[in-house]
């Protein structure tokens, strides 16, 4: 019996079992650079090589494996409780009270030590409510679940843009009650947000993504030990996902100390930062440049991105790539949405 919360269309189906319950020996056949680069996008099952691979594995499970009873659920996009619910609105919809709350919150956070700010962020609980439950055979269940997710999240967008801007949050799927380290920032922006599309990416090939995030060079030594070495050793050598995969993956995946920490403590597997990096590989191949506004310059450069102090500086840098009169699209999250780009 497999129970899943399908927050996005990528979740659920055979990806639940073929990815969620598998070992490294199985994962490495679809969590690799080639598969990730051929997935257009992770949110569109029928154009995702990752999902094609998982569905092939699902066929094997269905023919010769244990019977699986799948329970999939969907939730609404009510992300923030009062008084922070204004963060889910478009800024021009804010009233006087909401603008005052924003200004007060911003000024308070600017004076708050980073560790305390993280603690405050992680103490906020979303008032999500369930919108549907589907139970039964894996593929039949997932078809209905995906339709329900699309109804809620799909937004029609006409044409691609030269510059895509996005604000990266304090949290990702892999740092709950932990630290959003630079590798997770890259994965969240270029792995998840970039792939929040169906049809075509929001930004054209050769375009620019501008992300905003402080990108502190901070890591949680208990949760992300191999991330530290990946950042300091691997990315210091190269940021090319294919080179990283060929040169370093096996070493990290089979490292006995990383395996010990994974099995006996609270650490992610030694290979985990590699998968986060591969997750962004489609965007890396697609984009002309990635700029991070407000990020630690050393950390941003280690990622292979370009640091900028302000949004104005970022647009000026971007013009070297896309020209003097670019089109600009902003991906506003929350709430979670998927762009259906025509």
Protein backbone atom coordinates (compact mmCIF):
# COMPACT_ATOMS: atom_id res chain seq x y z
CA UNK A 1 0.00 0.00 0.00
CA UNK A 2 1.49 3.32 -1.10
CA UNK A 3 0.11 6.64 0.17
CA UNK A 4 1.13 9.85 -1.59
CA UNK A 5 0.39 13.58 -1.47
CA UNK A 6 0.53 14.82 -5.06
CA UNK A 7 1.54 18.45 -4.65
CA UNK A 8 2.54 18.65 -8.33
CA UNK A 9 1.91 16.58 -11.47
CA UNK A 10 5.39 15.08 -11.25
CA UNK A 11 4.44 13.11 -8.14
CA UNK A 12 2.73 9.76 -7.89
CA UNK A 13 2.06 6.96 -10.35
CA UNK A 14 4.89 4.49 -10.87
CA UNK A 15 7.34 7.18 -9.83
CA UNK A 16 6.18 6.52 -6.27
CA UNK A 17 7.43 2.94 -6.21
CA UNK A 18 10.05 2.79 -8.98
CA UNK A 19 11.83 5.82 -7.49
CA UNK A 20 10.62 6.09 -3.91
CA UNK A 21 11.23 2.48 -2.90
CA UNK A 22 14.32 1.67 -4.98
CA UNK A 23 18.03 1.45 -4.24
CA UNK A 24 20.91 3.32 -5.86
CA UNK A 25 21.48 0.38 -8.21
CA UNK A 26 18.02 0.97 -9.66
CA UNK A 27 17.86 4.77 -9.36
CA UNK A 28 21.04 5.35 -11.34
CA UNK A 29 19.36 4.08 -14.51
CA UNK A 30 16.96 7.03 -14.62
CA UNK A 31 18.43 9.59 -12.20
CA UNK A 32 21.21 10.47 -14.61
CA UNK A 33 22.18 13.42 -16.79
CA UNK A 34 20.93 11.97 -20.08
CA UNK A 35 17.49 11.16 -18.67
CA UNK A 36 17.14 14.55 -17.00
CA UNK A 37 18.13 16.44 -20.15
CA UNK A 38 15.57 14.48 -22.17
CA UNK A 39 12.72 15.26 -19.75
CA UNK A 40 10.65 18.17 -21.13
CA UNK A 41 9.41 18.60 -18.40
CA UNK A 42 9.15 16.68 -15.12
CA UNK A 43 5.61 18.06 -14.77
CA UNK A 44 4.50 16.56 -18.09
CA UNK A 45 4.54 12.79 -17.73
CA UNK A 46 4.21 12.10 -21.46
CA UNK A 47 7.26 14.24 -22.35
CA UNK A 48 9.40 13.23 -19.39
CA UNK A 49 12.05 10.59 -19.98
CA UNK A 50 12.23 10.15 -16.20
CA UNK A 51 8.59 9.10 -16.16
CA UNK A 52 8.96 6.90 -19.24
CA UNK A 53 11.66 4.97 -17.38
CA UNK A 54 9.59 4.71 -14.21
CA UNK A 55 6.58 3.48 -16.18
CA UNK A 56 8.74 0.78 -17.84
CA UNK A 57 9.80 -0.32 -14.36
CA UNK A 58 6.16 -0.20 -13.32
CA UNK A 59 5.31 -2.64 -16.11
CA UNK A 60 7.83 -5.10 -14.67
CA UNK A 61 6.40 -4.64 -11.17
CA UNK A 62 2.87 -5.17 -12.43
CA UNK A 63 3.81 -8.36 -14.28
CA UNK A 64 6.02 -9.99 -11.66
CA UNK A 65 6.14 -7.91 -8.49
CA UNK A 66 3.88 -7.52 -5.45
CA UNK A 67 0.37 -6.16 -5.88
CA UNK A 68 0.26 -2.44 -5.13
CA UNK A 69 -2.72 -0.54 -3.76
CA UNK A 70 -2.13 3.15 -4.54
CA UNK A 71 -3.68 6.00 -2.54
CA UNK A 72 -3.07 9.43 -4.06
CA UNK A 73 -4.31 12.73 -2.68
CA UNK A 74 -4.29 16.34 -3.84
CA UNK A 75 -4.27 19.48 -1.72
CA UNK A 76 -5.16 23.10 -2.36
CA UNK A 77 -2.67 25.95 -2.74
CA UNK A 78 -3.41 27.62 0.61
CA UNK A 79 0.27 27.94 1.49
CA UNK A 80 0.54 30.52 4.26
CA UNK A 81 -1.55 31.06 7.41
CA UNK A 82 -2.70 34.48 8.57
CA UNK A 83 -1.03 36.98 8.80
CA UNK A 84 1.26 35.76 5.97
CA UNK A 85 -1.41 34.76 3.47
CA UNK A 86 -0.75 37.96 1.50
CA UNK A 87 2.41 36.27 0.20
CA UNK A 88 0.20 34.11 -2.02
CA UNK A 89 -1.35 37.18 -3.65
CA UNK A 90 -0.06 39.31 -6.49
CA UNK A 91 1.59 42.40 -5.04
CA UNK A 92 -0.74 44.87 -6.77
CA UNK A 93 -3.65 43.15 -4.99
CA UNK A 94 -2.29 43.97 -1.53
CA UNK A 95 -4.29 46.35 0.62
CA UNK A 96 -2.86 48.88 3.07
CA UNK A 97 -2.79 46.35 5.92
CA UNK A 98 -0.97 43.77 3.80
CA UNK A 99 1.61 46.29 2.61
CA UNK A 100 2.25 47.35 6.20
CA UNK A 101 2.63 43.71 7.27
CA UNK A 102 5.10 43.12 4.45
CA UNK A 103 7.22 46.14 5.37
CA UNK A 104 7.21 45.26 9.07
CA UNK A 105 8.10 41.63 8.37
CA UNK A 106 10.92 42.58 6.01
CA UNK A 107 12.47 45.06 8.44
CA UNK A 108 12.22 42.57 11.30
CA UNK A 109 13.86 39.79 9.27
CA UNK A 110 16.69 42.11 8.20
CA UNK A 111 17.55 42.48 11.89
CA UNK A 112 17.13 38.80 12.72
CA UNK A 113 20.14 36.42 12.83
CA UNK A 114 20.04 33.88 10.02
CA UNK A 115 19.72 30.85 12.33
CA UNK A 116 16.74 32.38 14.14
CA UNK A 117 15.14 33.41 10.84
CA UNK A 118 15.38 29.81 9.61
CA UNK A 119 13.74 28.60 12.82
CA UNK A 120 10.90 31.09 12.35
CA UNK A 121 10.41 30.09 8.70
CA UNK A 122 10.23 26.39 9.53
CA UNK A 123 7.72 27.01 12.32
CA UNK A 124 5.13 28.30 9.83
CA UNK A 125 2.53 25.61 9.09
CA UNK A 126 0.53 25.70 5.88
CA UNK A 127 -3.27 25.51 6.26
CA UNK A 128 -3.59 23.17 3.27
CA UNK A 129 -6.80 21.23 2.83
CA UNK A 130 -7.36 18.07 0.82
CA UNK A 131 -9.14 18.44 -2.51
CA UNK A 132 -9.35 14.82 -3.69
CA UNK A 133 -8.53 11.20 -2.83
CA UNK A 134 -8.06 8.41 -5.38
CA UNK A 135 -7.48 4.75 -4.47
CA UNK A 136 -6.85 1.57 -6.42
CA UNK A 137 -4.66 0.42 -9.32
CA UNK A 138 -1.61 2.63 -9.83
CA UNK A 139 -2.15 3.92 -13.37
CA UNK A 140 -5.92 4.34 -13.12
CA UNK A 141 -5.53 6.28 -9.88
CA UNK A 142 -2.73 8.47 -11.23
CA UNK A 143 -4.69 9.45 -14.34
CA UNK A 144 -7.48 10.96 -12.23
CA UNK A 145 -5.05 12.53 -9.76
CA UNK A 146 -3.11 14.27 -12.53
CA UNK A 147 -6.33 15.64 -14.02
CA UNK A 148 -7.21 17.11 -10.62
CA UNK A 149 -3.76 18.69 -10.29
CA UNK A 150 -4.01 20.22 -13.78
CA UNK A 151 -7.43 21.72 -13.00
CA UNK A 152 -5.91 23.51 -10.05
CA UNK A 153 -2.45 24.49 -11.28
CA UNK A 154 -2.41 24.82 -15.08
CA UNK A 155 -2.10 28.41 -16.35
CA UNK A 156 -2.15 29.24 -20.07
CA UNK A 157 0.78 31.37 -21.25
CA UNK A 158 1.26 32.64 -24.81
CA UNK A 159 4.85 32.47 -26.03
CA UNK A 160 8.23 32.26 -24.38
CA UNK A 161 10.19 35.09 -22.81
CA UNK A 162 13.78 36.34 -23.03
CA UNK A 163 14.19 36.71 -19.28
CA UNK A 164 12.44 34.67 -16.58
CA UNK A 165 12.58 36.01 -13.02
CA UNK A 166 11.79 33.94 -9.95
CA UNK A 167 12.07 34.26 -6.19
CA UNK A 168 13.49 31.13 -4.54
CA UNK A 169 11.88 30.28 -1.17
CA UNK A 170 13.53 29.29 2.10
CA UNK A 171 12.46 25.68 1.71
CA UNK A 172 12.71 22.81 -0.75
CA UNK A 173 11.69 19.14 -0.54
CA UNK A 174 15.10 18.36 0.96
CA UNK A 175 15.70 20.87 3.75
CA UNK A 176 12.68 20.64 6.03
CA UNK A 177 13.90 21.85 9.46
CA UNK A 178 17.33 22.16 7.89
CA UNK A 179 19.42 24.56 5.76
CA UNK A 180 18.71 25.63 2.19
CA UNK A 181 22.27 25.21 0.94
CA UNK A 182 23.53 26.56 -2.43
CA UNK A 183 23.06 23.25 -4.25
CA UNK A 184 19.43 23.11 -3.16
CA UNK A 185 19.00 26.72 -4.29
CA UNK A 186 20.25 25.74 -7.75
CA UNK A 187 17.98 22.68 -7.80
CA UNK A 188 14.93 24.63 -6.66
CA UNK A 189 15.42 27.32 -9.30
CA UNK A 190 16.69 25.41 -12.32
CA UNK A 191 15.40 21.96 -11.38
CA UNK A 192 11.91 22.59 -10.05
CA UNK A 193 10.79 26.12 -10.96
CA UNK A 194 12.28 26.05 -14.47
CA UNK A 195 10.43 22.77 -15.06
CA UNK A 196 7.05 24.11 -13.94
CA UNK A 197 5.85 24.04 -17.53
CA UNK A 198 3.93 21.98 -20.03
CA UNK A 199 4.70 22.27 -23.73
CA UNK A 200 7.62 24.70 -23.81
CA UNK A 201 9.78 26.26 -21.09
CA UNK A 202 8.66 29.74 -20.02
CA UNK A 203 12.04 31.12 -21.12
CA UNK A 204 13.35 30.66 -24.66
CA UNK A 205 16.47 28.68 -25.50
CA UNK A 206 19.50 30.87 -24.91
CA UNK A 207 17.50 33.11 -22.57
CA UNK A 208 18.28 34.16 -19.02
CA UNK A 209 16.93 33.17 -15.62
CA UNK A 210 17.24 35.69 -12.79
CA UNK A 211 16.76 34.22 -9.32
CA UNK A 212 16.68 36.06 -5.99
CA UNK A 213 18.08 34.28 -2.95
CA UNK A 214 20.77 35.04 -0.33
CA UNK A 215 22.50 31.73 -1.24
CA UNK A 216 24.48 31.52 1.97
CA UNK A 217 27.38 29.04 1.75
CA UNK A 218 25.89 27.20 4.73
CA UNK A 219 25.34 23.45 5.05
CA UNK A 220 23.80 21.22 7.71
CA UNK A 221 26.60 18.78 8.60
CA UNK A 222 24.19 16.12 9.90
CA UNK A 223 21.64 16.21 7.09
CA UNK A 224 23.85 17.11 4.11
CA UNK A 225 27.42 15.85 4.73
CA UNK A 226 28.12 14.83 1.13
CA UNK A 227 26.78 18.19 -0.08
CA UNK A 228 29.67 19.91 1.68
CA UNK A 229 32.26 17.84 -0.19
CA UNK A 230 30.32 18.17 -3.44
CA UNK A 231 30.38 21.96 -3.12
CA UNK A 232 34.00 22.30 -2.01
CA UNK A 233 35.60 19.58 -4.14
CA UNK A 234 33.43 18.62 -7.11
CA UNK A 235 32.09 22.05 -8.11
CA UNK A 236 35.56 23.52 -7.58
CA UNK A 237 36.69 21.23 -10.40
CA UNK A 238 33.72 21.48 -12.80
CA UNK A 239 30.05 22.40 -12.95
CA UNK A 240 29.36 20.29 -16.05
CA UNK A 241 26.78 17.64 -15.01
CA UNK A 242 28.05 15.04 -17.51
CA UNK A 243 31.66 15.40 -16.37
CA UNK A 244 30.59 15.29 -12.72
CA UNK A 245 28.57 12.13 -13.35
CA UNK A 246 31.44 10.32 -15.07
CA UNK A 247 34.20 11.47 -12.74
CA UNK A 248 32.72 11.60 -9.24
CA UNK A 249 29.33 9.90 -8.86
CA UNK A 250 30.50 6.34 -8.19
CA UNK A 251 32.99 7.51 -5.57
CA UNK A 252 30.33 9.37 -3.56
CA UNK A 253 27.64 6.72 -4.02
CA UNK A 254 29.84 3.91 -2.72
CA UNK A 255 31.63 5.83 0.04
CA UNK A 256 31.33 3.77 3.23
CA UNK A 257 31.20 6.77 5.58
CA UNK A 258 28.34 8.39 3.65
CA UNK A 259 26.47 5.07 3.66
CA UNK A 260 27.01 4.74 7.40
CA UNK A 261 25.60 8.23 8.04
CA UNK A 262 22.65 7.48 5.76
CA UNK A 263 21.84 4.18 7.47
CA UNK A 264 22.41 5.15 11.09
CA UNK A 265 21.83 8.91 11.26
CA UNK A 266 19.79 11.60 9.53
CA UNK A 267 21.94 12.16 6.44
CA UNK A 268 20.85 12.05 2.83
CA UNK A 269 22.62 9.43 0.73
CA UNK A 270 26.11 10.29 -0.51
CA UNK A 271 24.90 10.51 -4.11
CA UNK A 272 22.02 12.87 -3.31
CA UNK A 273 23.73 16.19 -4.23
CA UNK A 274 24.56 14.70 -7.64
CA UNK A 275 20.88 14.08 -8.33
CA UNK A 276 20.04 17.62 -7.27
CA UNK A 277 22.63 18.89 -9.75
CA UNK A 278 21.41 16.61 -12.54
CA UNK A 279 17.86 17.84 -11.87
CA UNK A 280 18.99 21.26 -13.13
CA UNK A 281 20.87 19.92 -16.17
CA UNK A 282 18.05 20.51 -18.69
CA UNK A 283 17.90 24.18 -17.66
CA UNK A 284 21.69 24.50 -17.69
CA UNK A 285 21.80 23.26 -21.29
CA UNK A 286 18.84 25.44 -22.31
CA UNK A 287 19.82 28.80 -20.80
CA UNK A 288 22.33 31.39 -21.94
CA UNK A 289 22.98 32.59 -18.37
CA UNK A 290 21.75 32.22 -14.81
CA UNK A 291 21.96 35.26 -12.52
CA UNK A 292 21.41 35.26 -8.75
CA UNK A 293 20.42 38.56 -7.12
CA UNK A 294 21.49 39.08 -3.51
CA UNK A 295 23.42 35.83 -3.26
CA UNK A 296 26.79 35.32 -1.64
CA UNK A 297 29.17 36.07 -4.57
CA UNK A 298 31.58 33.21 -3.85
CA UNK A 299 28.80 30.65 -3.49
CA UNK A 300 27.02 31.87 -6.62
CA UNK A 301 30.20 31.72 -8.71
CA UNK A 302 30.98 28.23 -7.38
CA UNK A 303 27.64 27.14 -8.82
CA UNK A 304 28.69 28.54 -12.19
CA UNK A 305 26.15 31.36 -12.01
CA UNK A 306 26.58 35.14 -12.14
CA UNK A 307 26.05 37.20 -8.96
CA UNK A 308 24.25 40.56 -9.00
CA UNK A 309 23.66 43.03 -6.18
CA UNK A 310 20.33 44.36 -7.42
CA UNK A 311 17.65 43.47 -9.93
CA UNK A 312 18.69 46.47 -12.03
CA UNK A 313 22.23 45.12 -12.19
CA UNK A 314 20.86 41.70 -13.14
CA UNK A 315 18.86 43.11 -16.06
CA UNK A 316 21.92 45.00 -17.27
CA UNK A 317 24.00 41.81 -17.17
CA UNK A 318 21.22 39.87 -18.93
CA UNK A 319 21.18 42.33 -21.83
CA UNK A 320 24.63 41.09 -22.84
CA UNK A 321 22.90 37.79 -23.64
CA UNK A 322 19.38 38.69 -24.81
CA UNK A 323 19.82 42.21 -26.18
CA UNK A 324 18.69 45.68 -25.08
CA UNK A 325 14.88 45.27 -25.28
CA UNK A 326 14.07 41.87 -23.78
CA UNK A 327 10.70 40.46 -22.83
CA UNK A 328 10.38 39.59 -19.13
CA UNK A 329 8.13 37.06 -17.38
CA UNK A 330 7.93 36.61 -13.62
CA UNK A 331 7.10 33.20 -12.11
CA UNK A 332 5.14 34.13 -8.98
CA UNK A 333 5.08 31.41 -6.34
CA UNK A 334 3.27 30.67 -4.13
CA UNK A 335 0.82 29.46 -5.16
CA UNK A 336 2.23 26.51 -7.09
CA UNK A 337 1.35 26.68 -10.77
CA UNK A 338 2.37 25.09 -14.06
CA UNK A 339 2.63 27.19 -17.22
CA UNK A 340 0.98 25.67 -20.30
CA UNK A 341 3.13 27.52 -22.84
CA UNK A 342 1.87 27.71 -26.43
